């Protein structure tokens, strides 16, 4: 079960309670007096507390920028503040969201993963675990990435580690609401040699560019005029696996448009979105890279792919960029 060990009405009090109570998980409002949620998170990291954080954020641009930064720092997940006029309704909505996150959090603890990075002790170098020895003669012309809980933190390690001249486009679904997706794209763009942008309906798919699916939409790749590929964004397409954007939705189109010349990547996240997508891309001859259990914040989506026997390469987070690059050479 869950025991609430304390509350605090500002960041400074919260920090002293974290020091004395040593909780496993805290919820932090981005907008707190004295010390806001982001500042508190930075202090927690500085003081090396072994605690995970769930951020509470408004749906504003300012809120989304701060939340994305918190997630990149290693916050476990976030909840957007509901905007119903009825306080009781708002309370129930937050409770429902928090419940979902707590379930994922409990599961994540089975693997002992902390999202807020603790200082690295001298660990033996992780070994790339190649599952099947496969002969692959062609190189990929596209990279497709699916990711959920723990995504912004993981992506802020992987995308900046890719060279700016990889020569192919990257199509990416991160489960995240509208507004927040734009903030994430902007933040990653600032850190990366590759151009990172929120995808726009009808735009041409160009190399050395990362296209992030806008929150609350479905994104696919389609054939344009001649050899061109274009982005198709749909507001109306239904959610899949309760996800919009959905990894399965994107990956099906990648299989259709690129066949065997694709690299599919599944990273940290709860649920099974992406399992069917990888199955379809692999049936077309594409290669799949999956994040290993130990480096996932939530070992859900990768687990579904690995247990279905669909992973070609299973690697820790720090090796993913390298493995992606190898499939493009």
Protein backbone atom coordinates (compact mmCIF):
# COMPACT_ATOMS: atom_id res chain seq x y z
CA UNK A 1 0.00 0.00 0.00
CA UNK A 2 0.87 3.66 0.04
CA UNK A 3 1.52 5.68 3.15
CA UNK A 4 1.48 9.47 3.00
CA UNK A 5 4.27 10.51 5.37
CA UNK A 6 4.06 14.28 5.08
CA UNK A 7 2.91 17.40 3.27
CA UNK A 8 4.47 20.82 2.80
CA UNK A 9 3.01 24.05 1.46
CA UNK A 10 6.23 25.40 -0.01
CA UNK A 11 9.43 24.06 -1.52
CA UNK A 12 11.69 24.99 1.38
CA UNK A 13 9.59 23.14 3.96
CA UNK A 14 9.35 20.23 1.50
CA UNK A 15 13.14 19.99 1.30
CA UNK A 16 13.55 19.79 5.08
CA UNK A 17 10.81 17.12 5.24
CA UNK A 18 12.53 15.12 2.48
CA UNK A 19 15.76 15.25 4.52
CA UNK A 20 14.06 13.95 7.66
CA UNK A 21 11.31 11.65 6.33
CA UNK A 22 13.24 10.15 3.38
CA UNK A 23 10.15 9.35 1.26
CA UNK A 24 10.23 7.11 -1.84
CA UNK A 25 8.06 9.40 -3.94
CA UNK A 26 6.96 13.04 -3.77
CA UNK A 27 4.48 15.10 -5.75
CA UNK A 28 5.70 18.60 -6.59
CA UNK A 29 3.73 21.54 -7.88
CA UNK A 30 5.74 23.43 -10.50
CA UNK A 31 4.25 26.64 -9.07
CA UNK A 32 5.09 26.69 -5.35
CA UNK A 33 5.97 29.68 -3.17
CA UNK A 34 9.49 30.30 -1.78
CA UNK A 35 11.08 27.55 -3.87
CA UNK A 36 9.25 26.27 -6.94
CA UNK A 37 9.03 22.62 -8.03
CA UNK A 38 11.88 22.87 -10.49
CA UNK A 39 14.22 24.55 -7.99
CA UNK A 40 13.31 21.94 -5.39
CA UNK A 41 14.03 19.13 -7.85
CA UNK A 42 17.45 20.66 -8.57
CA UNK A 43 18.16 20.78 -4.81
CA UNK A 44 17.08 17.14 -4.39
CA UNK A 45 19.54 16.13 -7.11
CA UNK A 46 22.30 18.27 -5.60
CA UNK A 47 21.77 16.69 -2.17
CA UNK A 48 21.55 13.22 -3.76
CA UNK A 49 18.27 12.19 -2.12
CA UNK A 50 17.02 8.81 -3.29
CA UNK A 51 13.49 9.98 -4.07
CA UNK A 52 11.36 10.04 -7.21
CA UNK A 53 9.16 12.99 -8.13
CA UNK A 54 5.81 13.43 -9.88
CA UNK A 55 5.28 17.00 -11.11
CA UNK A 56 1.95 18.81 -11.09
CA UNK A 57 1.74 21.34 -13.90
CA UNK A 58 -0.67 23.77 -15.51
CA UNK A 59 -1.39 23.26 -19.23
CA UNK A 60 0.24 26.59 -20.08
CA UNK A 61 3.31 27.09 -22.23
CA UNK A 62 5.25 28.27 -19.17
CA UNK A 63 4.10 25.21 -17.21
CA UNK A 64 5.05 22.90 -20.07
CA UNK A 65 8.57 24.36 -20.40
CA UNK A 66 9.23 23.90 -16.66
CA UNK A 67 7.71 20.40 -16.68
CA UNK A 68 9.80 19.25 -19.63
CA UNK A 69 12.90 20.53 -17.83
CA UNK A 70 11.85 18.60 -14.68
CA UNK A 71 11.31 15.43 -16.73
CA UNK A 72 14.69 15.86 -18.41
CA UNK A 73 16.28 16.21 -14.97
CA UNK A 74 14.69 12.89 -14.03
CA UNK A 75 11.21 13.51 -12.58
CA UNK A 76 9.29 10.21 -12.81
CA UNK A 77 6.18 11.61 -14.51
CA UNK A 78 3.76 14.52 -14.40
CA UNK A 79 0.07 15.34 -14.06
CA UNK A 80 -1.59 18.31 -15.72
CA UNK A 81 -3.88 20.32 -13.49
CA UNK A 82 -7.49 19.84 -14.58
CA UNK A 83 -9.40 23.01 -15.34
CA UNK A 84 -12.93 22.06 -14.32
CA UNK A 85 -14.85 24.69 -12.34
CA UNK A 86 -15.81 22.04 -9.79
CA UNK A 87 -13.01 21.49 -7.24
CA UNK A 88 -14.32 18.01 -6.39
CA UNK A 89 -14.20 16.97 -10.06
CA UNK A 90 -10.62 18.29 -10.27
CA UNK A 91 -9.67 16.29 -7.18
CA UNK A 92 -11.05 13.08 -8.68
CA UNK A 93 -9.25 13.67 -11.99
CA UNK A 94 -5.92 14.21 -10.23
CA UNK A 95 -6.54 11.12 -8.10
CA UNK A 96 -7.21 9.03 -11.22
CA UNK A 97 -4.01 10.25 -12.91
CA UNK A 98 -1.96 9.78 -9.77
CA UNK A 99 -3.30 6.26 -9.35
CA UNK A 100 -2.17 5.31 -12.85
CA UNK A 101 1.29 6.76 -12.16
CA UNK A 102 1.53 5.01 -8.77
CA UNK A 103 0.81 1.64 -10.40
CA UNK A 104 3.62 2.25 -12.89
CA UNK A 105 5.87 3.49 -10.10
CA UNK A 106 5.29 0.34 -8.04
CA UNK A 107 6.14 -1.82 -11.04
CA UNK A 108 9.25 0.24 -11.74
CA UNK A 109 10.49 -0.43 -8.20
CA UNK A 110 10.67 -4.16 -8.97
CA UNK A 111 13.64 -3.30 -11.17
CA UNK A 112 15.09 -0.90 -8.62
CA UNK A 113 15.27 1.92 -11.14
CA UNK A 114 15.54 5.49 -9.92
CA UNK A 115 14.75 8.19 -12.41
CA UNK A 116 16.55 10.97 -10.61
CA UNK A 117 20.13 10.16 -11.50
CA UNK A 118 22.25 9.16 -8.53
CA UNK A 119 26.00 9.61 -8.86
CA UNK A 120 27.54 6.81 -10.89
CA UNK A 121 29.83 4.53 -8.93
CA UNK A 122 32.41 2.53 -10.84
CA UNK A 123 30.17 0.12 -12.70
CA UNK A 124 31.39 -2.48 -15.14
CA UNK A 125 30.71 -1.32 -18.69
CA UNK A 126 27.35 -2.63 -19.91
CA UNK A 127 27.69 -5.21 -22.62
CA UNK A 128 25.56 -4.94 -25.71
CA UNK A 129 23.26 -7.90 -25.61
CA UNK A 130 22.66 -8.88 -29.22
CA UNK A 131 19.83 -11.33 -29.18
CA UNK A 132 19.99 -12.85 -32.62
CA UNK A 133 23.00 -12.87 -34.84
CA UNK A 134 21.49 -11.50 -38.00
CA UNK A 135 23.02 -10.66 -41.32
CA UNK A 136 21.80 -7.29 -42.49
CA UNK A 137 23.03 -6.16 -45.84
CA UNK A 138 21.14 -2.89 -46.25
CA UNK A 139 21.22 0.29 -44.27
CA UNK A 140 18.16 2.01 -42.86
CA UNK A 141 16.68 5.12 -44.46
CA UNK A 142 14.62 6.08 -41.42
CA UNK A 143 14.68 5.74 -37.63
CA UNK A 144 11.36 5.39 -35.77
CA UNK A 145 11.31 5.81 -31.99
CA UNK A 146 8.53 4.98 -29.53
CA UNK A 147 8.79 6.06 -25.89
CA UNK A 148 6.63 6.97 -22.88
CA UNK A 149 7.26 7.34 -19.11
CA UNK A 150 10.86 8.40 -18.50
CA UNK A 151 11.05 9.58 -22.11
CA UNK A 152 12.23 13.19 -21.87
CA UNK A 153 15.12 12.18 -19.59
CA UNK A 154 16.10 9.26 -21.87
CA UNK A 155 15.72 11.29 -25.07
CA UNK A 156 17.87 14.08 -23.68
CA UNK A 157 20.65 11.47 -23.58
CA UNK A 158 19.98 9.73 -26.91
CA UNK A 159 19.06 12.50 -29.38
CA UNK A 160 22.03 14.79 -28.54
CA UNK A 161 24.32 11.74 -28.84
CA UNK A 162 23.35 11.24 -32.50
CA UNK A 163 25.56 13.03 -35.04
CA UNK A 164 24.00 15.91 -36.98
CA UNK A 165 24.73 14.26 -40.31
CA UNK A 166 23.10 10.84 -39.86
CA UNK A 167 21.60 11.30 -43.33
CA UNK A 168 18.11 10.03 -42.48
CA UNK A 169 14.99 11.38 -40.77
CA UNK A 170 13.93 10.32 -37.26
CA UNK A 171 10.18 9.91 -36.60
CA UNK A 172 9.27 9.88 -32.94
CA UNK A 173 6.25 9.27 -30.73
CA UNK A 174 6.54 10.28 -27.07
CA UNK A 175 3.32 9.90 -25.06
CA UNK A 176 2.80 13.51 -24.00
CA UNK A 177 -0.10 16.02 -24.17
CA UNK A 178 -0.38 19.00 -26.55
CA UNK A 179 1.77 22.05 -25.68
CA UNK A 180 4.17 19.76 -23.79
CA UNK A 181 5.22 18.09 -27.06
CA UNK A 182 6.23 21.46 -28.53
CA UNK A 183 8.26 22.31 -25.42
CA UNK A 184 10.01 18.93 -25.53
CA UNK A 185 10.89 19.34 -29.23
CA UNK A 186 12.32 22.79 -28.56
CA UNK A 187 14.35 21.63 -25.58
CA UNK A 188 15.82 18.67 -27.50
CA UNK A 189 16.55 20.91 -30.48
CA UNK A 190 18.62 23.22 -28.25
CA UNK A 191 20.72 20.26 -27.06
CA UNK A 192 21.19 18.40 -30.33
CA UNK A 193 23.20 18.57 -33.54
CA UNK A 194 20.13 17.20 -35.33
CA UNK A 195 17.22 19.53 -35.98
CA UNK A 196 14.31 18.58 -33.69
CA UNK A 197 10.81 19.90 -34.34
CA UNK A 198 7.19 19.19 -33.62
CA UNK A 199 5.84 17.66 -36.82
CA UNK A 200 3.40 19.59 -39.02
CA UNK A 201 0.79 18.02 -41.30
CA UNK A 202 1.86 17.87 -44.94
CA UNK A 203 5.53 18.77 -44.45
CA UNK A 204 8.21 16.90 -46.35
CA UNK A 205 10.28 14.40 -44.38
CA UNK A 206 13.91 15.54 -44.60
CA UNK A 207 17.15 13.91 -43.44
CA UNK A 208 18.98 14.99 -40.26
CA UNK A 209 15.65 16.06 -38.76
CA UNK A 210 13.73 14.59 -35.82
CA UNK A 211 9.94 14.85 -36.17
CA UNK A 212 8.08 14.62 -32.85
CA UNK A 213 4.38 13.72 -33.01
CA UNK A 214 2.24 16.56 -31.61
CA UNK A 215 0.42 15.61 -28.39
CA UNK A 216 -3.21 14.60 -28.84
CA UNK A 217 -2.80 13.61 -32.52
CA UNK A 218 -1.84 10.56 -34.55
CA UNK A 219 1.21 10.84 -36.82
CA UNK A 220 2.14 8.76 -39.84
CA UNK A 221 4.47 8.97 -42.80
CA UNK A 222 3.05 8.79 -46.33
CA UNK A 223 4.21 8.99 -49.96
CA UNK A 224 4.30 12.43 -51.53
CA UNK A 225 5.09 13.44 -55.11
CA UNK A 226 7.90 11.46 -56.72
CA UNK A 227 10.19 9.94 -54.12
CA UNK A 228 9.19 12.37 -51.39
CA UNK A 229 7.79 11.26 -48.05
CA UNK A 230 5.44 13.51 -46.13
CA UNK A 231 4.08 13.75 -42.59
CA UNK A 232 0.38 13.16 -42.03
CA UNK A 233 -1.10 14.36 -38.73
CA UNK A 234 -4.65 13.45 -37.76
CA UNK A 235 -6.69 15.02 -34.97
CA UNK A 236 -9.58 12.64 -35.67
CA UNK A 237 -7.88 9.23 -35.77
CA UNK A 238 -8.83 7.30 -32.62
CA UNK A 239 -6.41 6.58 -29.78
CA UNK A 240 -4.69 3.18 -29.90
CA UNK A 241 -3.68 1.38 -26.68
CA UNK A 242 -5.24 4.46 -25.00
CA UNK A 243 -2.48 6.49 -26.65
CA UNK A 244 -2.66 9.49 -28.92
CA UNK A 245 -0.06 9.78 -30.36
CA UNK A 246 0.46 6.02 -30.64
CA UNK A 247 3.67 4.19 -31.52
CA UNK A 248 1.76 1.40 -33.30
CA UNK A 249 0.04 3.96 -35.54
CA UNK A 250 3.35 5.52 -36.61
CA UNK A 251 5.24 2.23 -36.99
CA UNK A 252 2.61 0.70 -39.31
CA UNK A 253 3.15 3.58 -41.73
CA UNK A 254 6.94 3.24 -41.42
CA UNK A 255 6.65 -0.45 -42.40
CA UNK A 256 4.47 0.50 -45.38
CA UNK A 257 6.71 3.32 -46.63
CA UNK A 258 10.21 2.05 -45.83
CA UNK A 259 9.89 -1.74 -45.62
CA UNK A 260 13.18 -3.34 -44.61
CA UNK A 261 15.08 -0.03 -44.71
CA UNK A 262 13.95 1.06 -41.24
CA UNK A 263 15.29 1.00 -37.69
CA UNK A 264 12.61 0.79 -35.00
CA UNK A 265 13.51 1.75 -31.44
CA UNK A 266 11.41 1.10 -28.32
CA UNK A 267 12.44 2.78 -25.10
CA UNK A 268 11.24 3.25 -21.51
CA UNK A 269 7.49 3.49 -20.91
CA UNK A 270 4.42 1.88 -19.39
CA UNK A 271 2.00 -0.25 -21.37
CA UNK A 272 2.35 -2.19 -24.62
CA UNK A 273 2.13 0.53 -27.29
CA UNK A 274 4.72 -0.30 -29.96
CA UNK A 275 4.61 -4.09 -29.65
CA UNK A 276 2.32 -4.55 -32.65
CA UNK A 277 4.15 -1.76 -34.45
CA UNK A 278 7.50 -3.54 -34.09
CA UNK A 279 5.89 -6.79 -35.18
CA UNK A 280 4.73 -5.09 -38.40
CA UNK A 281 8.08 -3.38 -39.09
CA UNK A 282 9.96 -6.64 -38.47
CA UNK A 283 7.61 -8.52 -40.79
CA UNK A 284 8.77 -6.04 -43.45
CA UNK A 285 12.41 -6.84 -42.66
CA UNK A 286 13.25 -3.84 -40.46
CA UNK A 287 15.66 -4.04 -37.52
CA UNK A 288 14.56 -3.42 -33.91
CA UNK A 289 16.53 -1.90 -31.04
CA UNK A 290 15.06 -2.13 -27.53
CA UNK A 291 16.17 -0.50 -24.27
CA UNK A 292 17.16 -2.99 -21.58
CA UNK A 293 15.23 -3.45 -18.32
CA UNK A 294 17.95 -2.10 -16.03
CA UNK A 295 18.12 1.32 -17.70
CA UNK A 296 14.35 1.82 -18.15
CA UNK A 297 12.37 4.05 -15.80
CA UNK A 298 9.34 1.86 -16.53
CA UNK A 299 10.04 -1.49 -18.14
CA UNK A 300 6.68 -1.86 -19.87
CA UNK A 301 6.85 -1.14 -23.60
CA UNK A 302 10.34 -2.67 -24.02
CA UNK A 303 9.29 -5.71 -21.97
CA UNK A 304 6.29 -6.31 -24.26
CA UNK A 305 8.54 -6.27 -27.34
CA UNK A 306 11.29 -8.42 -25.79
CA UNK A 307 8.87 -11.02 -24.39
CA UNK A 308 7.19 -11.31 -27.79
CA UNK A 309 10.62 -12.21 -29.23
CA UNK A 310 10.68 -9.11 -31.43
CA UNK A 311 13.93 -7.51 -30.24
CA UNK A 312 17.00 -7.77 -32.48
CA UNK A 313 19.26 -5.72 -30.21
CA UNK A 314 18.75 -5.10 -26.48
CA UNK A 315 20.98 -2.39 -25.02
CA UNK A 316 21.29 0.02 -22.08
CA UNK A 317 20.20 3.61 -22.62
CA UNK A 318 23.77 4.87 -23.04
CA UNK A 319 24.37 2.55 -26.02
CA UNK A 320 21.19 3.28 -27.98
CA UNK A 321 22.54 6.19 -30.05
CA UNK A 322 25.54 4.07 -31.12
CA UNK A 323 23.36 1.14 -32.10
CA UNK A 324 21.06 3.43 -34.12
CA UNK A 325 24.09 4.88 -35.94
CA UNK A 326 25.39 1.39 -36.80
CA UNK A 327 22.15 0.55 -38.64
CA UNK A 328 22.59 3.63 -40.85
CA UNK A 329 26.09 2.79 -42.11
